[in-house]
Amino acid sequence: LSYYITKPLLMIFLMTFFYYKTQGAKTCFAWRMFVGLTFSLMGDIALMFDEDNAYFLAGVGCFAIAYLAYSYAYLRNILDHRYYNSPVNQLTLPIPYAVYGFGVYYILRKNLGDMELPVVSYMFVITTMGILAALRVNHTTDDSYRKNLLGAKLLILSDTLIGLSRFLGIQGAWIDPSIIMAYFFGQLFTVLGSIEHVRVIETPVNDPVLTFSPEEKKIL
């Protein structure tokens, strides 16, 4: 029972925290991230009943929309704040994520069955999210970049562990706590990085309500 209560409450807490810390900012980045958090909550609820493939697919669909919203927020950040980014970075940063995504698919491919198309599509979405999070370098603050990138990596790790558990049958006392911890901290760092971006980059610098105090910077 505690699992069914705690998991949704964690996302509700993060959504409330995000809204409070950004003072309900109406920027496009903030709106897209909040949409992502909302669909993440819906995905959490659906996956609590994932013994049924219909609920599993519903959960995967919700998380795909959530991570597409994150990806679009990162993409617009890159396009709207055009700072110099070396061609080497643009070419090399996506490579580890593409290789990782293909590697996970290669490991799972024989066990996917009818789920191959949904899983491959979802893997493409989360890989794209990781790539765009990495390409934000020099397009936001260093803190926002590092936190959002770490968040993306942890979310990818959480989904990888879910795939290994569901399709390869990998079990153990460590698997479920690892999935939950990677997911929660992934969402947490995504929220923290997004708060910094909204308050420092996307809001007017002369608005004292939406700037970080030194004490807040230490916390975040």
Protein backbone atom coordinates (compact mmCIF):
# COMPACT_ATOMS: atom_id res chain seq x y z
CA LEU A 1 0.00 0.00 0.00
CA SER A 2 2.82 2.41 0.85
CA TYR A 3 4.25 1.93 -2.69
CA TYR A 4 0.95 3.01 -4.27
CA ILE A 5 0.82 6.11 -2.07
CA THR A 6 4.48 7.15 -2.00
CA LYS A 7 5.33 7.06 -5.71
CA PRO A 8 2.60 9.48 -6.89
CA LEU A 9 3.19 11.72 -3.86
CA LEU A 10 6.85 12.11 -4.82
CA MET A 11 5.89 13.51 -8.24
CA ILE A 12 3.18 15.72 -6.75
CA PHE A 13 5.82 17.10 -4.36
CA LEU A 14 8.23 17.80 -7.24
CA MET A 15 5.48 19.49 -9.29
CA THR A 16 4.52 21.68 -6.33
CA PHE A 17 8.17 22.48 -5.59
CA PHE A 18 8.80 23.42 -9.23
CA TYR A 19 5.75 25.68 -9.35
CA TYR A 20 6.62 27.34 -6.03
CA LYS A 21 10.28 27.95 -6.86
CA THR A 22 9.50 29.42 -10.27
CA GLN A 23 6.63 31.49 -8.85
CA GLY A 24 4.35 29.99 -11.49
CA ALA A 25 6.48 31.49 -14.28
CA LYS A 26 4.66 31.55 -17.62
CA THR A 27 7.75 30.96 -19.76
CA CYS A 28 7.60 28.34 -22.50
CA PHE A 29 10.41 26.35 -20.88
CA ALA A 30 8.59 26.23 -17.53
CA TRP A 31 5.31 25.26 -19.18
CA ARG A 32 6.91 22.41 -21.15
CA MET A 33 8.69 21.08 -18.09
CA PHE A 34 5.47 21.18 -16.07
CA VAL A 35 3.67 19.26 -18.82
CA GLY A 36 6.46 16.68 -18.62
CA LEU A 37 6.07 16.38 -14.86
CA THR A 38 2.31 15.98 -15.22
CA PHE A 39 2.61 13.14 -17.72
CA SER A 40 5.32 11.56 -15.56
CA LEU A 41 2.81 11.45 -12.71
CA MET A 42 0.25 9.81 -15.02
CA GLY A 43 2.88 7.30 -16.14
CA ASP A 44 3.72 6.48 -12.53
CA ILE A 45 0.08 5.70 -11.80
CA ALA A 46 -0.31 3.52 -14.91
CA LEU A 47 2.87 1.52 -14.23
CA MET A 48 1.69 0.62 -10.74
CA PHE A 49 -0.61 -1.83 -12.54
CA ASP A 50 1.94 -2.97 -15.12
CA GLU A 51 1.12 -6.67 -14.77
CA ASP A 52 -1.44 -5.87 -17.48
CA ASN A 53 0.20 -5.02 -20.82
CA ALA A 54 -2.47 -2.38 -21.48
CA TYR A 55 -1.44 -0.46 -18.36
CA PHE A 56 2.23 -0.94 -19.20
CA LEU A 57 1.69 0.52 -22.67
CA ALA A 58 -0.32 3.39 -21.18
CA GLY A 59 2.53 4.11 -18.79
CA VAL A 60 5.12 3.95 -21.55
CA GLY A 61 2.97 6.33 -23.63
CA CYS A 62 2.68 8.83 -20.76
CA PHE A 63 6.41 8.77 -20.11
CA ALA A 64 7.12 9.14 -23.84
CA ILE A 65 5.01 12.31 -23.88
CA ALA A 66 6.70 13.52 -20.68
CA TYR A 67 10.19 13.05 -22.08
CA LEU A 68 9.19 14.56 -25.41
CA ALA A 69 8.07 17.63 -23.45
CA TYR A 70 11.46 17.74 -21.69
CA SER A 71 13.22 17.25 -25.03
CA TYR A 72 11.28 20.05 -26.68
CA ALA A 73 12.07 22.36 -23.75
CA TYR A 74 15.78 21.57 -24.16
CA LEU A 75 15.61 22.01 -27.94
CA ARG A 76 13.91 25.41 -27.68
CA ASN A 77 16.48 26.43 -25.07
CA ILE A 78 19.25 25.58 -27.54
CA LEU A 79 17.57 27.42 -30.41
CA ASP A 80 16.42 30.46 -28.43
CA HIS A 81 19.70 31.11 -26.60
CA ARG A 82 22.24 30.84 -29.36
CA TYR A 83 25.70 30.86 -27.80
CA TYR A 84 28.85 29.46 -29.30
CA ASN A 85 29.09 25.68 -29.21
CA SER A 86 32.03 24.10 -30.96
CA PRO A 87 31.36 21.80 -33.92
CA VAL A 88 33.30 19.12 -32.05
CA ASN A 89 30.79 19.26 -29.18
CA GLN A 90 27.84 19.17 -31.55
CA LEU A 91 29.21 16.10 -33.30
CA THR A 92 30.61 14.15 -30.36
CA LEU A 93 28.16 14.78 -27.50
CA PRO A 94 25.31 12.74 -29.07
CA ILE A 95 27.50 9.68 -29.79
CA PRO A 96 27.52 8.04 -26.31
CA TYR A 97 23.72 8.27 -26.06
CA ALA A 98 23.17 6.84 -29.54
CA VAL A 99 25.60 3.98 -28.85
CA TYR A 100 24.01 3.31 -25.46
CA GLY A 101 20.48 3.25 -26.92
CA PHE A 102 21.49 0.86 -29.68
CA GLY A 103 23.35 -1.33 -27.18
CA VAL A 104 20.31 -1.67 -24.91
CA TYR A 105 18.11 -2.52 -27.90
CA TYR A 106 20.63 -5.13 -29.08
CA ILE A 107 20.55 -6.79 -25.66
CA LEU A 108 16.75 -6.79 -25.42
CA ARG A 109 15.78 -7.37 -29.05
CA LYS A 110 15.17 -11.15 -28.92
CA ASN A 111 12.87 -10.85 -25.92
CA LEU A 112 10.68 -7.96 -27.03
CA GLY A 113 8.15 -9.87 -29.16
CA ASP A 114 5.05 -7.78 -29.88
CA MET A 115 6.47 -4.98 -27.71
CA GLU A 116 9.37 -4.30 -30.07
CA LEU A 117 7.87 -1.26 -31.83
CA PRO A 118 6.67 0.51 -28.63
CA VAL A 119 9.95 -0.19 -26.86
CA VAL A 120 12.13 0.93 -29.78
CA SER A 121 10.05 4.09 -30.16
CA TYR A 122 10.36 4.81 -26.46
CA MET A 123 14.10 4.20 -26.52
CA PHE A 124 14.39 6.69 -29.36
CA VAL A 125 12.56 9.28 -27.23
CA ILE A 126 14.71 8.86 -24.12
CA THR A 127 17.91 8.77 -26.19
CA THR A 128 16.86 12.02 -27.87
CA MET A 129 16.20 13.55 -24.44
CA GLY A 130 19.71 12.63 -23.33
CA ILE A 131 21.26 14.03 -26.50
CA LEU A 132 19.41 17.35 -26.24
CA ALA A 133 20.24 17.65 -22.53
CA ALA A 134 23.91 17.19 -23.44
CA LEU A 135 23.75 19.73 -26.29
CA ARG A 136 22.54 22.48 -23.91
CA VAL A 137 26.15 23.12 -22.91
CA ASN A 138 26.86 26.90 -23.17
CA HIS A 139 23.13 27.58 -23.71
CA THR A 140 22.20 27.85 -20.02
CA THR A 141 23.95 28.21 -16.67
CA ASP A 142 26.55 25.63 -15.75
CA ASP A 143 24.47 24.49 -12.76
CA SER A 144 21.32 24.08 -14.83
CA TYR A 145 23.22 22.18 -17.51
CA ARG A 146 24.86 19.77 -15.08
CA LYS A 147 21.67 19.08 -13.11
CA ASN A 148 19.45 18.55 -16.17
CA LEU A 149 22.07 16.33 -17.79
CA LEU A 150 22.45 14.25 -14.63
CA GLY A 151 18.66 14.03 -14.41
CA ALA A 152 18.43 12.78 -18.00
CA LYS A 153 21.14 10.16 -17.39
CA LEU A 154 19.40 8.86 -14.27
CA LEU A 155 16.03 8.66 -16.03
CA ILE A 156 17.65 6.70 -18.85
CA LEU A 157 19.26 4.39 -16.28
CA SER A 158 15.93 3.84 -14.53
CA ASP A 159 14.22 2.90 -17.80
CA THR A 160 17.10 0.63 -18.73
CA LEU A 161 16.72 -1.27 -15.47
CA ILE A 162 12.96 -1.58 -16.06
CA GLY A 163 13.67 -3.06 -19.50
CA LEU A 164 16.24 -5.52 -18.17
CA SER A 165 13.87 -6.60 -15.42
CA ARG A 166 10.77 -6.94 -17.58
CA PHE A 167 12.22 -8.42 -20.75
CA LEU A 168 15.31 -10.30 -19.56
CA GLY A 169 13.90 -11.39 -16.23
CA ILE A 170 16.74 -9.86 -14.23
CA GLN A 171 15.62 -9.89 -10.60
CA GLY A 172 17.07 -9.37 -7.17
CA ALA A 173 16.52 -7.39 -4.01
CA TRP A 174 18.47 -4.53 -5.57
CA ILE A 175 16.49 -4.04 -8.79
CA ASP A 176 13.31 -2.32 -7.59
CA PRO A 177 15.05 0.09 -5.16
CA SER A 178 17.59 0.93 -7.89
CA ILE A 179 14.81 1.71 -10.39
CA ILE A 180 12.94 3.91 -7.91
CA MET A 181 16.06 5.76 -6.68
CA ALA A 182 17.36 6.41 -10.20
CA TYR A 183 13.91 7.61 -11.28
CA PHE A 184 13.29 9.87 -8.28
CA PHE A 185 16.74 11.50 -8.36
CA GLY A 186 16.49 11.79 -12.15
CA GLN A 187 13.25 13.74 -11.81
CA LEU A 188 14.65 15.73 -8.86
CA PHE A 189 17.74 16.89 -10.75
CA THR A 190 15.61 17.64 -13.80
CA VAL A 191 13.42 19.88 -11.64
CA LEU A 192 16.38 21.58 -9.91
CA GLY A 193 18.14 22.29 -13.21
CA SER A 194 14.93 23.60 -14.75
CA ILE A 195 14.25 25.90 -11.80
CA GLU A 196 17.69 27.44 -12.18
CA HIS A 197 17.20 27.93 -15.92
CA VAL A 198 13.77 29.53 -15.55
CA ARG A 199 14.77 31.86 -12.74
CA VAL A 200 18.19 32.91 -14.04
CA ILE A 201 17.94 32.71 -17.84
CA GLU A 202 14.27 33.03 -18.78
CA THR A 203 13.11 35.74 -16.36
CA PRO A 204 14.15 39.41 -16.30
CA VAL A 205 17.33 39.97 -14.31
CA ASN A 206 15.78 43.00 -12.60
CA ASP A 207 13.01 40.94 -10.99
CA PRO A 208 14.23 40.39 -7.41
CA VAL A 209 11.54 37.78 -6.67
CA LEU A 210 12.88 35.40 -9.31
CA THR A 211 16.60 35.44 -8.55
CA PHE A 212 18.51 33.01 -6.39
CA SER A 213 19.84 34.06 -3.01
CA PRO A 214 23.32 32.75 -2.03
CA GLU A 215 21.62 30.48 0.53
CA GLU A 216 19.33 28.98 -2.14
CA LYS A 217 22.28 28.35 -4.46
CA LYS A 218 23.95 26.33 -1.71
CA ILE A 219 20.81 24.24 -1.30
CA LEU A 220 20.26 23.70 -5.00
